[in-house]
Amino acid sequence: MGNLFIYNVADHDTTAYTICYAIYMLAAQPDVQNWLGEEIDSVFAGKDGVETWEYEKAIPKLKRCLALMYETVHLYRPAVFIPRATSTESTTLKLEGKEYTLPPQTFIII
């Protein structure tokens, strides 16, 4: 969910990149295109045209589309890294049973 939040509050470029990556993934997997198409057809069945679609009711029903977006965000993250820094005091980090001491004001990339 954190990455989806970044897409929602970030710049328009981030949203455009997400859509491009999703289309790229769909182009490489026609079976997934069909799978999504089935869901879209079932959710919007009986609707005459785009102008009659009720998006507020339809969007929560598009679970497969949401799965595609989650997978896109998982594979192509909006933020490549998250910069952090330790406090003004040394910080001890425990990782896989080992302890590491990070000096004060050390920059860390997550």
PDB file of N, CA and C in Angstrom:
ATOM      1  N   MET A   1       0.823  -1.200   0.000  1.00  0.00           N
ATOM      2  CA  MET A   1       0.000   0.000   0.000  1.00  0.00           C
ATOM      3  C   MET A   1       0.861   1.254   0.000  1.00  0.00           C
ATOM      4  N   GLY A   2       2.003   1.227   0.640  1.00  0.00           N
ATOM      5  CA  GLY A   2       2.844   2.407   0.710  1.00  0.00           C
ATOM      6  C   GLY A   2       3.233   2.928  -0.659  1.00  0.00           C
ATOM      7  N   ASN A   3       3.594   2.030  -1.567  1.00  0.00           N
ATOM      8  CA  ASN A   3       3.972   2.461  -2.903  1.00  0.00           C
ATOM      9  C   ASN A   3       2.789   3.022  -3.668  1.00  0.00           C
ATOM     10  N   LEU A   4       1.618   2.445  -3.487  1.00  0.00           N
ATOM     11  CA  LEU A   4       0.436   3.005  -4.148  1.00  0.00           C
ATOM     12  C   LEU A   4       0.165   4.416  -3.643  1.00  0.00           C
ATOM     13  N   PHE A   5       0.404   4.653  -2.358  1.00  0.00           N
ATOM     14  CA  PHE A   5       0.217   5.987  -1.798  1.00  0.00           C
ATOM     15  C   PHE A   5       1.139   6.982  -2.495  1.00  0.00           C
ATOM     16  N   ILE A   6       2.394   6.586  -2.724  1.00  0.00           N
ATOM     17  CA  ILE A   6       3.347   7.478  -3.390  1.00  0.00           C
ATOM     18  C   ILE A   6       2.842   7.836  -4.778  1.00  0.00           C
ATOM     19  N   TYR A   7       2.291   6.847  -5.501  1.00  0.00           N
ATOM     20  CA  TYR A   7       1.765   7.140  -6.829  1.00  0.00           C
ATOM     21  C   TYR A   7       0.626   8.141  -6.763  1.00  0.00           C
ATOM     22  N   ASN A   8      -0.195   8.061  -5.742  1.00  0.00           N
ATOM     23  CA  ASN A   8      -1.347   8.952  -5.646  1.00  0.00           C
ATOM     24  C   ASN A   8      -0.951  10.385  -5.313  1.00  0.00           C
ATOM     25  N   VAL A   9       0.109  10.582  -4.556  1.00  0.00           N
ATOM     26  CA  VAL A   9       0.485  11.931  -4.149  1.00  0.00           C
ATOM     27  C   VAL A   9       1.659  12.481  -4.934  1.00  0.00           C
ATOM     28  N   ALA A  10       2.291  11.652  -5.735  1.00  0.00           N
ATOM     29  CA  ALA A  10       3.465  12.097  -6.482  1.00  0.00           C
ATOM     30  C   ALA A  10       3.047  12.844  -7.742  1.00  0.00           C
ATOM     31  N   ASP A  11       4.026  13.188  -8.508  1.00  0.00           N
ATOM     32  CA  ASP A  11       3.813  13.953  -9.727  1.00  0.00           C
ATOM     33  C   ASP A  11       3.103  13.122 -10.791  1.00  0.00           C
ATOM     34  N   HIS A  12       2.614  13.796 -11.808  1.00  0.00           N
ATOM     35  CA  HIS A  12       1.902  13.115 -12.897  1.00  0.00           C
ATOM     36  C   HIS A  12       2.809  12.143 -13.636  1.00  0.00           C
ATOM     37  N   ASP A  13       4.104  12.433 -13.698  1.00  0.00           N
ATOM     38  CA  ASP A  13       5.032  11.533 -14.372  1.00  0.00           C
ATOM     39  C   ASP A  13       5.003  10.150 -13.742  1.00  0.00           C
ATOM     40  N   THR A  14       4.918  10.102 -12.425  1.00  0.00           N
ATOM     41  CA  THR A  14       4.908   8.825 -11.729  1.00  0.00           C
ATOM     42  C   THR A  14       3.692   8.007 -12.135  1.00  0.00           C
ATOM     43  N   THR A  15       2.550   8.648 -12.223  1.00  0.00           N
ATOM     44  CA  THR A  15       1.335   7.964 -12.653  1.00  0.00           C
ATOM     45  C   THR A  15       1.475   7.484 -14.091  1.00  0.00           C
ATOM     46  N   ALA A  16       2.027   8.322 -14.942  1.00  0.00           N
ATOM     47  CA  ALA A  16       2.222   7.952 -16.345  1.00  0.00           C
ATOM     48  C   ALA A  16       3.161   6.754 -16.456  1.00  0.00           C
ATOM     49  N   TYR A  17       4.237   6.752 -15.692  1.00  0.00           N
ATOM     50  CA  TYR A  17       5.172   5.621 -15.720  1.00  0.00           C
ATOM     51  C   TYR A  17       4.492   4.339 -15.250  1.00  0.00           C
ATOM     52  N   THR A  18       3.676   4.444 -14.227  1.00  0.00           N
ATOM     53  CA  THR A  18       2.969   3.273 -13.718  1.00  0.00           C
ATOM     54  C   THR A  18       2.071   2.682 -14.791  1.00  0.00           C
ATOM     55  N   ILE A  19       1.321   3.528 -15.460  1.00  0.00           N
ATOM     56  CA  ILE A  19       0.430   3.053 -16.517  1.00  0.00           C
ATOM     57  C   ILE A  19       1.239   2.443 -17.658  1.00  0.00           C
ATOM     58  N   CYS A  20       2.363   3.073 -18.011  1.00  0.00           N
ATOM     59  CA  CYS A  20       3.218   2.521 -19.073  1.00  0.00           C
ATOM     60  C   CYS A  20       3.743   1.142 -18.699  1.00  0.00           C
ATOM     61  N   TYR A  21       4.198   0.989 -17.468  1.00  0.00           N
ATOM     62  CA  TYR A  21       4.704  -0.313 -17.029  1.00  0.00           C
ATOM     63  C   TYR A  21       3.591  -1.355 -17.015  1.00  0.00           C
ATOM     64  N   ALA A  22       2.397  -0.971 -16.607  1.00  0.00           N
ATOM     65  CA  ALA A  22       1.271  -1.908 -16.593  1.00  0.00           C
ATOM     66  C   ALA A  22       0.934  -2.345 -18.017  1.00  0.00           C
ATOM     67  N   ILE A  23       0.928  -1.411 -18.948  1.00  0.00           N
ATOM     68  CA  ILE A  23       0.652  -1.750 -20.344  1.00  0.00           C
ATOM     69  C   ILE A  23       1.763  -2.639 -20.903  1.00  0.00           C
ATOM     70  N   TYR A  24       2.984  -2.331 -20.542  1.00  0.00           N
ATOM     71  CA  TYR A  24       4.129  -3.158 -20.961  1.00  0.00           C
ATOM     72  C   TYR A  24       3.956  -4.593 -20.471  1.00  0.00           C
ATOM     73  N   MET A  25       3.581  -4.753 -19.218  1.00  0.00           N
ATOM     74  CA  MET A  25       3.389  -6.101 -18.669  1.00  0.00           C
ATOM     75  C   MET A  25       2.229  -6.805 -19.361  1.00  0.00           C
ATOM     76  N   LEU A  26       1.158  -6.086 -19.651  1.00  0.00           N
ATOM     77  CA  LEU A  26       0.022  -6.689 -20.339  1.00  0.00           C
ATOM     78  C   LEU A  26       0.372  -7.091 -21.769  1.00  0.00           C
ATOM     79  N   ALA A  27       1.174  -6.270 -22.439  1.00  0.00           N
ATOM     80  CA  ALA A  27       1.566  -6.586 -23.816  1.00  0.00           C
ATOM     81  C   ALA A  27       2.366  -7.882 -23.879  1.00  0.00           C
ATOM     82  N   ALA A  28       3.124  -8.151 -22.842  1.00  0.00           N
ATOM     83  CA  ALA A  28       3.954  -9.360 -22.806  1.00  0.00           C
ATOM     84  C   ALA A  28       3.161 -10.605 -22.395  1.00  0.00           C
ATOM     85  N   GLN A  29       1.931 -10.415 -21.886  1.00  0.00           N
ATOM     86  CA  GLN A  29       1.163 -11.551 -21.380  1.00  0.00           C
ATOM     87  C   GLN A  29      -0.290 -11.465 -21.843  1.00  0.00           C
ATOM     88  N   PRO A  30      -0.565 -11.912 -23.069  1.00  0.00           N
ATOM     89  CA  PRO A  30      -1.930 -11.839 -23.599  1.00  0.00           C
ATOM     90  C   PRO A  30      -2.957 -12.583 -22.746  1.00  0.00           C
ATOM     91  N   ASP A  31      -2.547 -13.642 -22.072  1.00  0.00           N
ATOM     92  CA  ASP A  31      -3.490 -14.367 -21.217  1.00  0.00           C
ATOM     93  C   ASP A  31      -3.972 -13.493 -20.063  1.00  0.00           C
ATOM     94  N   VAL A  32      -3.106 -12.641 -19.549  1.00  0.00           N
ATOM     95  CA  VAL A  32      -3.503 -11.723 -18.477  1.00  0.00           C
ATOM     96  C   VAL A  32      -4.414 -10.632 -19.051  1.00  0.00           C
ATOM     97  N   GLN A  33      -4.137 -10.200 -20.288  1.00  0.00           N
ATOM     98  CA  GLN A  33      -5.032  -9.244 -20.952  1.00  0.00           C
ATOM     99  C   GLN A  33      -6.443  -9.812 -21.014  1.00  0.00           C
ATOM    100  N   ASN A  34      -6.556 -11.059 -21.426  1.00  0.00           N
ATOM    101  CA  ASN A  34      -7.872 -11.706 -21.524  1.00  0.00           C
ATOM    102  C   ASN A  34      -8.527 -11.833 -20.155  1.00  0.00           C
ATOM    103  N   TRP A  35      -7.729 -12.186 -19.161  1.00  0.00           N
ATOM    104  CA  TRP A  35      -8.211 -12.333 -17.790  1.00  0.00           C
ATOM    105  C   TRP A  35      -8.796 -11.010 -17.291  1.00  0.00           C
ATOM    106  N   LEU A  36      -8.080  -9.898 -17.543  1.00  0.00           N
ATOM    107  CA  LEU A  36      -8.580  -8.579 -17.151  1.00  0.00           C
ATOM    108  C   LEU A  36      -9.808  -8.194 -17.975  1.00  0.00           C
ATOM    109  N   GLY A  37      -9.762  -8.511 -19.260  1.00  0.00           N
ATOM    110  CA  GLY A  37     -10.888  -8.191 -20.130  1.00  0.00           C
ATOM    111  C   GLY A  37     -12.180  -8.849 -19.680  1.00  0.00           C
ATOM    112  N   GLU A  38     -12.075 -10.086 -19.209  1.00  0.00           N
ATOM    113  CA  GLU A  38     -13.254 -10.789 -18.691  1.00  0.00           C
ATOM    114  C   GLU A  38     -13.868 -10.032 -17.526  1.00  0.00           C
ATOM    115  N   GLU A  39     -13.007  -9.573 -16.622  1.00  0.00           N
ATOM    116  CA  GLU A  39     -13.515  -8.837 -15.461  1.00  0.00           C
ATOM    117  C   GLU A  39     -14.159  -7.519 -15.880  1.00  0.00           C
ATOM    118  N   ILE A  40     -13.497  -6.792 -16.752  1.00  0.00           N
ATOM    119  CA  ILE A  40     -14.027  -5.503 -17.213  1.00  0.00           C
ATOM    120  C   ILE A  40     -15.366  -5.701 -17.912  1.00  0.00           C
ATOM    121  N   ASP A  41     -15.434  -6.728 -18.779  1.00  0.00           N
ATOM    122  CA  ASP A  41     -16.693  -7.017 -19.473  1.00  0.00           C
ATOM    123  C   ASP A  41     -17.811  -7.355 -18.496  1.00  0.00           C
ATOM    124  N   SER A  42     -17.486  -8.113 -17.448  1.00  0.00           N
ATOM    125  CA  SER A  42     -18.530  -8.501 -16.501  1.00  0.00           C
ATOM    126  C   SER A  42     -18.985  -7.321 -15.642  1.00  0.00           C
ATOM    127  N   VAL A  43     -18.054  -6.454 -15.265  1.00  0.00           N
ATOM    128  CA  VAL A  43     -18.411  -5.300 -14.426  1.00  0.00           C
ATOM    129  C   VAL A  43     -19.237  -4.283 -15.222  1.00  0.00           C
ATOM    130  N   PHE A  44     -18.888  -4.091 -16.486  1.00  0.00           N
ATOM    131  CA  PHE A  44     -19.578  -3.086 -17.293  1.00  0.00           C
ATOM    132  C   PHE A  44     -20.583  -3.699 -18.265  1.00  0.00           C
ATOM    133  N   ALA A  45     -20.978  -4.946 -18.035  1.00  0.00           N
ATOM    134  CA  ALA A  45     -21.945  -5.612 -18.908  1.00  0.00           C
ATOM    135  C   ALA A  45     -23.276  -4.858 -18.901  1.00  0.00           C
ATOM    136  N   GLY A  46     -23.870  -4.724 -20.072  1.00  0.00           N
ATOM    137  CA  GLY A  46     -25.170  -4.077 -20.179  1.00  0.00           C
ATOM    138  C   GLY A  46     -25.114  -2.565 -20.229  1.00  0.00           C
ATOM    139  N   LYS A  47     -23.946  -1.997 -20.120  1.00  0.00           N
ATOM    140  CA  LYS A  47     -23.812  -0.536 -20.204  1.00  0.00           C
ATOM    141  C   LYS A  47     -23.639  -0.163 -21.673  1.00  0.00           C
ATOM    142  N   ASP A  48     -24.393   0.818 -22.116  1.00  0.00           N
ATOM    143  CA  ASP A  48     -24.388   1.187 -23.530  1.00  0.00           C
ATOM    144  C   ASP A  48     -23.107   1.881 -23.970  1.00  0.00           C
ATOM    145  N   GLY A  49     -22.575   2.716 -23.145  1.00  0.00           N
ATOM    146  CA  GLY A  49     -21.376   3.458 -23.517  1.00  0.00           C
ATOM    147  C   GLY A  49     -20.664   3.974 -22.289  1.00  0.00           C
ATOM    148  N   VAL A  50     -19.485   4.503 -22.516  1.00  0.00           N
ATOM    149  CA  VAL A  50     -18.652   5.002 -21.416  1.00  0.00           C
ATOM    150  C   VAL A  50     -19.392   6.043 -20.588  1.00  0.00           C
ATOM    151  N   GLU A  51     -20.203   6.851 -21.236  1.00  0.00           N
ATOM    152  CA  GLU A  51     -20.902   7.911 -20.502  1.00  0.00           C
ATOM    153  C   GLU A  51     -21.934   7.377 -19.514  1.00  0.00           C
ATOM    154  N   THR A  52     -22.308   6.102 -19.636  1.00  0.00           N
ATOM    155  CA  THR A  52     -23.290   5.527 -18.702  1.00  0.00           C
ATOM    156  C   THR A  52     -22.630   4.746 -17.560  1.00  0.00           C
ATOM    157  N   TRP A  53     -21.320   4.616 -17.600  1.00  0.00           N
ATOM    158  CA  TRP A  53     -20.627   3.856 -16.559  1.00  0.00           C
ATOM    159  C   TRP A  53     -20.661   4.611 -15.243  1.00  0.00           C
ATOM    160  N   GLU A  54     -20.881   3.893 -14.168  1.00  0.00           N
ATOM    161  CA  GLU A  54     -20.871   4.481 -12.827  1.00  0.00           C
ATOM    162  C   GLU A  54     -19.572   4.047 -12.142  1.00  0.00           C
ATOM    163  N   TYR A  55     -18.562   4.885 -12.288  1.00  0.00           N
ATOM    164  CA  TYR A  55     -17.224   4.532 -11.811  1.00  0.00           C
ATOM    165  C   TYR A  55     -17.167   4.293 -10.307  1.00  0.00           C
ATOM    166  N   GLU A  56     -17.937   5.070  -9.552  1.00  0.00           N
ATOM    167  CA  GLU A  56     -17.913   4.920  -8.094  1.00  0.00           C
ATOM    168  C   GLU A  56     -18.329   3.510  -7.674  1.00  0.00           C
ATOM    169  N   LYS A  57     -19.228   2.914  -8.416  1.00  0.00           N
ATOM    170  CA  LYS A  57     -19.687   1.550  -8.111  1.00  0.00           C
ATOM    171  C   LYS A  57     -18.796   0.501  -8.762  1.00  0.00           C
ATOM    172  N   ALA A  58     -18.220   0.832  -9.904  1.00  0.00           N
ATOM    173  CA  ALA A  58     -17.459  -0.159 -10.675  1.00  0.00           C
ATOM    174  C   ALA A  58     -16.040  -0.372 -10.146  1.00  0.00           C
ATOM    175  N   ILE A  59     -15.368   0.692  -9.769  1.00  0.00           N
ATOM    176  CA  ILE A  59     -13.951   0.587  -9.381  1.00  0.00           C
ATOM    177  C   ILE A  59     -13.726  -0.443  -8.271  1.00  0.00           C
ATOM    178  N   PRO A  60     -14.510  -0.472  -7.199  1.00  0.00           N
ATOM    179  CA  PRO A  60     -14.271  -1.483  -6.156  1.00  0.00           C
ATOM    180  C   PRO A  60     -14.444  -2.928  -6.634  1.00  0.00           C
ATOM    181  N   LYS A  61     -15.159  -3.121  -7.732  1.00  0.00           N
ATOM    182  CA  LYS A  61     -15.388  -4.468  -8.258  1.00  0.00           C
ATOM    183  C   LYS A  61     -14.234  -4.951  -9.148  1.00  0.00           C
ATOM    184  N   LEU A  62     -13.347  -4.062  -9.535  1.00  0.00           N
ATOM    185  CA  LEU A  62     -12.265  -4.407 -10.454  1.00  0.00           C
ATOM    186  C   LEU A  62     -11.049  -4.951  -9.689  1.00  0.00           C
ATOM    187  N   LYS A  63     -11.221  -6.093  -9.070  1.00  0.00           N
ATOM    188  CA  LYS A  63     -10.168  -6.706  -8.243  1.00  0.00           C
ATOM    189  C   LYS A  63      -8.959  -7.126  -9.070  1.00  0.00           C
ATOM    190  N   ARG A  64      -9.193  -7.629 -10.267  1.00  0.00           N
ATOM    191  CA  ARG A  64      -8.076  -8.061 -11.115  1.00  0.00           C
ATOM    192  C   ARG A  64      -7.247  -6.860 -11.569  1.00  0.00           C
ATOM    193  N   CYS A  65      -7.925  -5.770 -11.876  1.00  0.00           N
ATOM    194  CA  CYS A  65      -7.206  -4.548 -12.253  1.00  0.00           C
ATOM    195  C   CYS A  65      -6.361  -4.047 -11.081  1.00  0.00           C
ATOM    196  N   LEU A  66      -6.909  -4.132  -9.898  1.00  0.00           N
ATOM    197  CA  LEU A  66      -6.152  -3.748  -8.711  1.00  0.00           C
ATOM    198  C   LEU A  66      -4.947  -4.658  -8.526  1.00  0.00           C
ATOM    199  N   ALA A  67      -5.128  -5.957  -8.779  1.00  0.00           N
ATOM    200  CA  ALA A  67      -4.015  -6.898  -8.682  1.00  0.00           C
ATOM    201  C   ALA A  67      -2.915  -6.534  -9.672  1.00  0.00           C
ATOM    202  N   LEU A  68      -3.297  -6.138 -10.884  1.00  0.00           N
ATOM    203  CA  LEU A  68      -2.313  -5.709 -11.878  1.00  0.00           C
ATOM    204  C   LEU A  68      -1.535  -4.496 -11.373  1.00  0.00           C
ATOM    205  N   MET A  69      -2.240  -3.526 -10.801  1.00  0.00           N
ATOM    206  CA  MET A  69      -1.563  -2.326 -10.318  1.00  0.00           C
ATOM    207  C   MET A  69      -0.643  -2.645  -9.136  1.00  0.00           C
ATOM    208  N   TYR A  70      -1.081  -3.524  -8.230  1.00  0.00           N
ATOM    209  CA  TYR A  70      -0.215  -3.930  -7.119  1.00  0.00           C
ATOM    210  C   TYR A  70       1.056  -4.595  -7.649  1.00  0.00           C
ATOM    211  N   GLU A  71       0.911  -5.461  -8.631  1.00  0.00           N
ATOM    212  CA  GLU A  71       2.077  -6.156  -9.176  1.00  0.00           C
ATOM    213  C   GLU A  71       2.989  -5.183  -9.919  1.00  0.00           C
ATOM    214  N   THR A  72       2.392  -4.223 -10.616  1.00  0.00           N
ATOM    215  CA  THR A  72       3.186  -3.211 -11.311  1.00  0.00           C
ATOM    216  C   THR A  72       3.998  -2.399 -10.312  1.00  0.00           C
ATOM    217  N   VAL A  73       3.355  -1.968  -9.246  1.00  0.00           N
ATOM    218  CA  VAL A  73       4.041  -1.182  -8.217  1.00  0.00           C
ATOM    219  C   VAL A  73       5.112  -2.026  -7.520  1.00  0.00           C
ATOM    220  N   HIS A  74       4.832  -3.307  -7.359  1.00  0.00           N
ATOM    221  CA  HIS A  74       5.801  -4.206  -6.729  1.00  0.00           C
ATOM    222  C   HIS A  74       7.060  -4.344  -7.595  1.00  0.00           C
ATOM    223  N   LEU A  75       6.879  -4.497  -8.890  1.00  0.00           N
ATOM    224  CA  LEU A  75       8.016  -4.713  -9.786  1.00  0.00           C
ATOM    225  C   LEU A  75       8.708  -3.422 -10.202  1.00  0.00           C
ATOM    226  N   TYR A  76       7.951  -2.352 -10.341  1.00  0.00           N
ATOM    227  CA  TYR A  76       8.491  -1.072 -10.809  1.00  0.00           C
ATOM    228  C   TYR A  76       8.131   0.003  -9.794  1.00  0.00           C
ATOM    229  N   ARG A  77       8.920   0.105  -8.792  1.00  0.00           N
ATOM    230  CA  ARG A  77       8.633   1.010  -7.665  1.00  0.00           C
ATOM    231  C   ARG A  77       8.723   2.476  -8.063  1.00  0.00           C
ATOM    232  N   PRO A  78       7.872   3.308  -7.463  1.00  0.00           N
ATOM    233  CA  PRO A  78       7.917   4.738  -7.769  1.00  0.00           C
ATOM    234  C   PRO A  78       9.137   5.412  -7.155  1.00  0.00           C
ATOM    235  N   ALA A  79       9.553   4.937  -6.011  1.00  0.00           N
ATOM    236  CA  ALA A  79      10.742   5.481  -5.356  1.00  0.00           C
ATOM    237  C   ALA A  79      11.793   4.376  -5.345  1.00  0.00           C
ATOM    238  N   VAL A  80      12.885   4.606  -6.050  1.00  0.00           N
ATOM    239  CA  VAL A  80      13.920   3.582  -6.166  1.00  0.00           C
ATOM    240  C   VAL A  80      14.587   3.351  -4.809  1.00  0.00           C
ATOM    241  N   PHE A  81      14.772   4.413  -4.065  1.00  0.00           N
ATOM    242  CA  PHE A  81      15.327   4.280  -2.725  1.00  0.00           C
ATOM    243  C   PHE A  81      14.748   5.370  -1.836  1.00  0.00           C
ATOM    244  N   ILE A  82      14.863   5.129  -0.540  1.00  0.00           N
ATOM    245  CA  ILE A  82      14.374   6.096   0.439  1.00  0.00           C
ATOM    246  C   ILE A  82      15.562   6.520   1.293  1.00  0.00           C
ATOM    247  N   PRO A  83      16.007   7.777   1.179  1.00  0.00           N
ATOM    248  CA  PRO A  83      17.154   8.220   1.977  1.00  0.00           C
ATOM    249  C   PRO A  83      16.751   8.473   3.426  1.00  0.00           C
ATOM    250  N   ARG A  84      17.577   8.030   4.326  1.00  0.00           N
ATOM    251  CA  ARG A  84      17.377   8.241   5.764  1.00  0.00           C
ATOM    252  C   ARG A  84      18.734   8.568   6.393  1.00  0.00           C
ATOM    253  N   ALA A  85      18.701   9.030   7.621  1.00  0.00           N
ATOM    254  CA  ALA A  85      19.935   9.297   8.363  1.00  0.00           C
ATOM    255  C   ALA A  85      19.719   8.887   9.810  1.00  0.00           C
ATOM    256  N   THR A  86      20.794   8.438  10.432  1.00  0.00           N
ATOM    257  CA  THR A  86      20.708   8.095  11.852  1.00  0.00           C
ATOM    258  C   THR A  86      20.680   9.395  12.656  1.00  0.00           C
ATOM    259  N   SER A  87      20.345   9.260  13.923  1.00  0.00           N
ATOM    260  CA  SER A  87      20.252  10.447  14.777  1.00  0.00           C
ATOM    261  C   SER A  87      21.652  10.944  15.143  1.00  0.00           C
ATOM    262  N   THR A  88      21.710  11.847  16.087  1.00  0.00           N
ATOM    263  CA  THR A  88      22.996  12.412  16.513  1.00  0.00           C
ATOM    264  C   THR A  88      23.770  11.453  17.420  1.00  0.00           C
ATOM    265  N   GLU A  89      23.147  10.327  17.752  1.00  0.00           N
ATOM    266  CA  GLU A  89      23.823   9.302  18.573  1.00  0.00           C
ATOM    267  C   GLU A  89      23.991   8.027  17.748  1.00  0.00           C
ATOM    268  N   SER A  90      24.908   7.167  18.147  1.00  0.00           N
ATOM    269  CA  SER A  90      25.093   5.887  17.469  1.00  0.00           C
ATOM    270  C   SER A  90      23.818   5.059  17.572  1.00  0.00           C
ATOM    271  N   THR A  91      23.557   4.274  16.550  1.00  0.00           N
ATOM    272  CA  THR A  91      22.372   3.440  16.502  1.00  0.00           C
ATOM    273  C   THR A  91      22.797   1.997  16.313  1.00  0.00           C
ATOM    274  N   THR A  92      22.211   1.095  17.116  1.00  0.00           N
ATOM    275  CA  THR A  92      22.509  -0.325  16.983  1.00  0.00           C
ATOM    276  C   THR A  92      21.405  -0.983  16.172  1.00  0.00           C
ATOM    277  N   LEU A  93      21.827  -1.757  15.194  1.00  0.00           N
ATOM    278  CA  LEU A  93      20.901  -2.436  14.297  1.00  0.00           C
ATOM    279  C   LEU A  93      21.120  -3.933  14.429  1.00  0.00           C
ATOM    280  N   LYS A  94      20.053  -4.694  14.693  1.00  0.00           N
ATOM    281  CA  LYS A  94      20.134  -6.147  14.762  1.00  0.00           C
ATOM    282  C   LYS A  94      19.569  -6.726  13.476  1.00  0.00           C
ATOM    283  N   LEU A  95      20.371  -7.551  12.816  1.00  0.00           N
ATOM    284  CA  LEU A  95      19.964  -8.119  11.547  1.00  0.00           C
ATOM    285  C   LEU A  95      20.467  -9.555  11.459  1.00  0.00           C
ATOM    286  N   GLU A  96      19.533 -10.482  11.370  1.00  0.00           N
ATOM    287  CA  GLU A  96      19.838 -11.912  11.263  1.00  0.00           C
ATOM    288  C   GLU A  96      20.794 -12.384  12.363  1.00  0.00           C
ATOM    289  N   GLY A  97      20.496 -11.968  13.578  1.00  0.00           N
ATOM    290  CA  GLY A  97      21.267 -12.420  14.725  1.00  0.00           C
ATOM    291  C   GLY A  97      22.570 -11.673  14.955  1.00  0.00           C
ATOM    292  N   LYS A  98      22.916 -10.748  14.114  1.00  0.00           N
ATOM    293  CA  LYS A  98      24.147  -9.971  14.279  1.00  0.00           C
ATOM    294  C   LYS A  98      23.796  -8.541  14.625  1.00  0.00           C
ATOM    295  N   GLU A  99      24.673  -7.890  15.370  1.00  0.00           N
ATOM    296  CA  GLU A  99      24.483  -6.486  15.727  1.00  0.00           C
ATOM    297  C   GLU A  99      25.468  -5.616  14.964  1.00  0.00           C
ATOM    298  N   TYR A 100      24.963  -4.503  14.472  1.00  0.00           N
ATOM    299  CA  TYR A 100      25.785  -3.544  13.755  1.00  0.00           C
ATOM    300  C   TYR A 100      25.585  -2.183  14.407  1.00  0.00           C
ATOM    301  N   THR A 101      26.664  -1.445  14.578  1.00  0.00           N
ATOM    302  CA  THR A 101      26.580  -0.108  15.152  1.00  0.00           C
ATOM    303  C   THR A 101      26.794   0.906  14.040  1.00  0.00           C
ATOM    304  N   LEU A 102      25.815   1.762  13.878  1.00  0.00           N
ATOM    305  CA  LEU A 102      25.894   2.809  12.871  1.00  0.00           C
ATOM    306  C   LEU A 102      26.313   4.110  13.544  1.00  0.00           C
ATOM    307  N   PRO A 103      27.329   4.762  13.018  1.00  0.00           N
ATOM    308  CA  PRO A 103      27.790   6.015  13.622  1.00  0.00           C
ATOM    309  C   PRO A 103      26.720   7.105  13.538  1.00  0.00           C
ATOM    310  N   PRO A 104      26.849   8.140  14.351  1.00  0.00           N
ATOM    311  CA  PRO A 104      25.883   9.244  14.314  1.00  0.00           C
ATOM    312  C   PRO A 104      25.855   9.907  12.934  1.00  0.00           C
ATOM    313  N   GLN A 105      24.688  10.370  12.549  1.00  0.00           N
ATOM    314  CA  GLN A 105      24.457  11.111  11.305  1.00  0.00           C
ATOM    315  C   GLN A 105      24.972  10.373  10.075  1.00  0.00           C
ATOM    316  N   THR A 106      24.754   9.069  10.041  1.00  0.00           N
ATOM    317  CA  THR A 106      25.125   8.253   8.891  1.00  0.00           C
ATOM    318  C   THR A 106      23.946   8.220   7.926  1.00  0.00           C
ATOM    319  N   PHE A 107      24.229   8.451   6.651  1.00  0.00           N
ATOM    320  CA  PHE A 107      23.180   8.378   5.648  1.00  0.00           C
ATOM    321  C   PHE A 107      22.951   6.906   5.269  1.00  0.00           C
ATOM    322  N   ILE A 108      21.677   6.547   5.181  1.00  0.00           N
ATOM    323  CA  ILE A 108      21.283   5.175   4.877  1.00  0.00           C
ATOM    324  C   ILE A 108      20.316   5.212   3.706  1.00  0.00           C
ATOM    325  N   ILE A 109      20.478   4.278   2.799  1.00  0.00           N
ATOM    326  CA  ILE A 109      19.543   4.168   1.669  1.00  0.00           C
ATOM    327  C   ILE A 109      18.775   2.876   1.845  1.00  0.00           C
ATOM    328  N   ILE A 110      17.448   2.998   1.933  1.00  0.00           N
ATOM    329  CA  ILE A 110      16.582   1.821   2.113  1.00  0.00           C
ATOM    330  C   ILE A 110      16.048   1.411   0.762  1.00  0.00           C
TER     331      ILE A 110
END
